[in-house]
Amino acid sequence: MTKHYLNLKGVNLRFWNETVRPTILRLKNNKCEICGSKKFLDIHHNSYEKQNINTLQVLCRKCHRGTQK
């Protein structure tokens, strides 16, 4: 039996990991938008109210931790 995992907004995580995440990374040049690192990249949501390309930011883990303080 296949399990489907959903995040809080109901987006299928498999679809996110296989389609959305790689597309966002490619559109944002596969690097952290703050320091330029190309390692350990995360997608940061600037807003959970509106989720579109303008509210998503590519950050390395170090810079991402800095946004959550």
C-alpha atoms as a PDB file:
ATOM      1  CA  MET A   1       0.000   0.000   0.000  1.00  0.00           C
ATOM      2  CA  THR A   2       1.367   3.415  -0.987  1.00  0.00           C
ATOM      3  CA  LYS A   3       1.345   6.086   1.687  1.00  0.00           C
ATOM      4  CA  HIS A   4       0.843   9.717   0.758  1.00  0.00           C
ATOM      5  CA  TYR A   5       2.310  12.288   3.093  1.00  0.00           C
ATOM      6  CA  LEU A   6       0.994  15.832   3.122  1.00  0.00           C
ATOM      7  CA  ASN A   7       2.434  19.012   4.560  1.00  0.00           C
ATOM      8  CA  LEU A   8       0.271  21.550   6.383  1.00  0.00           C
ATOM      9  CA  LYS A   9      -1.012  23.142   3.178  1.00  0.00           C
ATOM     10  CA  GLY A  10      -2.006  19.797   1.677  1.00  0.00           C
ATOM     11  CA  VAL A  11       0.750  19.630  -0.938  1.00  0.00           C
ATOM     12  CA  ASN A  12       1.899  16.093  -1.583  1.00  0.00           C
ATOM     13  CA  LEU A  13       5.493  15.923  -0.299  1.00  0.00           C
ATOM     14  CA  ARG A  14       6.571  13.564  -3.063  1.00  0.00           C
ATOM     15  CA  PHE A  15       5.382  16.104  -5.643  1.00  0.00           C
ATOM     16  CA  TRP A  16       7.152  18.872  -3.676  1.00  0.00           C
ATOM     17  CA  ASN A  17      10.459  16.954  -3.503  1.00  0.00           C
ATOM     18  CA  GLU A  18      10.419  15.648  -7.072  1.00  0.00           C
ATOM     19  CA  THR A  19       8.941  18.633  -8.931  1.00  0.00           C
ATOM     20  CA  VAL A  20       8.513  21.878  -7.008  1.00  0.00           C
ATOM     21  CA  ARG A  21      11.783  21.951  -5.024  1.00  0.00           C
ATOM     22  CA  PRO A  22      14.083  21.247  -8.019  1.00  0.00           C
ATOM     23  CA  THR A  23      12.215  23.843 -10.089  1.00  0.00           C
ATOM     24  CA  ILE A  24      12.588  26.534  -7.402  1.00  0.00           C
ATOM     25  CA  LEU A  25      16.284  25.720  -6.974  1.00  0.00           C
ATOM     26  CA  ARG A  26      16.864  25.952 -10.722  1.00  0.00           C
ATOM     27  CA  LEU A  27      14.936  29.230 -11.047  1.00  0.00           C
ATOM     28  CA  LYS A  28      16.935  30.718  -8.174  1.00  0.00           C
ATOM     29  CA  ASN A  29      20.303  29.570  -9.655  1.00  0.00           C
ATOM     30  CA  ASN A  30      20.917  26.706  -7.191  1.00  0.00           C
ATOM     31  CA  LYS A  31      22.523  28.959  -4.587  1.00  0.00           C
ATOM     32  CA  CYS A  32      21.717  30.682  -1.318  1.00  0.00           C
ATOM     33  CA  GLU A  33      20.156  34.067  -1.982  1.00  0.00           C
ATOM     34  CA  ILE A  34      21.988  35.574   1.012  1.00  0.00           C
ATOM     35  CA  CYS A  35      25.555  34.216   0.969  1.00  0.00           C
ATOM     36  CA  GLY A  36      25.773  32.457  -2.410  1.00  0.00           C
ATOM     37  CA  SER A  37      26.565  29.001  -0.996  1.00  0.00           C
ATOM     38  CA  LYS A  38      25.608  26.024  -3.148  1.00  0.00           C
ATOM     39  CA  LYS A  39      25.629  23.493  -0.285  1.00  0.00           C
ATOM     40  CA  PHE A  40      22.810  22.300   1.991  1.00  0.00           C
ATOM     41  CA  LEU A  41      20.076  24.369   0.344  1.00  0.00           C
ATOM     42  CA  ASP A  42      16.601  24.768   1.836  1.00  0.00           C
ATOM     43  CA  ILE A  43      13.488  26.450   0.512  1.00  0.00           C
ATOM     44  CA  HIS A  44      12.324  29.160   2.924  1.00  0.00           C
ATOM     45  CA  HIS A  45       8.721  30.367   2.928  1.00  0.00           C
ATOM     46  CA  ASN A  46       8.602  34.108   3.558  1.00  0.00           C
ATOM     47  CA  SER A  47       4.838  33.783   3.968  1.00  0.00           C
ATOM     48  CA  TYR A  48       2.607  30.804   4.591  1.00  0.00           C
ATOM     49  CA  GLU A  49      -0.444  32.884   3.646  1.00  0.00           C
ATOM     50  CA  LYS A  50       0.587  33.300  -0.005  1.00  0.00           C
ATOM     51  CA  GLN A  51       2.758  30.572  -1.450  1.00  0.00           C
ATOM     52  CA  ASN A  52       4.111  31.435  -4.857  1.00  0.00           C
ATOM     53  CA  ILE A  53       7.515  31.919  -6.440  1.00  0.00           C
ATOM     54  CA  ASN A  54       7.772  35.404  -4.924  1.00  0.00           C
ATOM     55  CA  THR A  55       7.369  34.134  -1.349  1.00  0.00           C
ATOM     56  CA  LEU A  56       9.911  31.310  -1.652  1.00  0.00           C
ATOM     57  CA  GLN A  57      13.596  31.923  -1.021  1.00  0.00           C
ATOM     58  CA  VAL A  58      16.556  29.564  -1.469  1.00  0.00           C
ATOM     59  CA  LEU A  59      18.796  29.639   1.608  1.00  0.00           C
ATOM     60  CA  CYS A  60      21.676  27.509   2.848  1.00  0.00           C
ATOM     61  CA  ARG A  61      21.017  25.923   6.237  1.00  0.00           C
ATOM     62  CA  LYS A  62      23.187  28.486   8.063  1.00  0.00           C
ATOM     63  CA  CYS A  63      21.305  31.448   6.596  1.00  0.00           C
ATOM     64  CA  HIS A  64      17.968  29.651   7.015  1.00  0.00           C
ATOM     65  CA  ARG A  65      18.644  29.223  10.747  1.00  0.00           C
ATOM     66  CA  GLY A  66      19.303  32.962  10.919  1.00  0.00           C
ATOM     67  CA  THR A  67      15.828  33.756   9.575  1.00  0.00           C
ATOM     68  CA  GLN A  68      14.131  31.700  12.288  1.00  0.00           C
ATOM     69  CA  LYS A  69      15.411  33.664  15.296  1.00  0.00           C
END
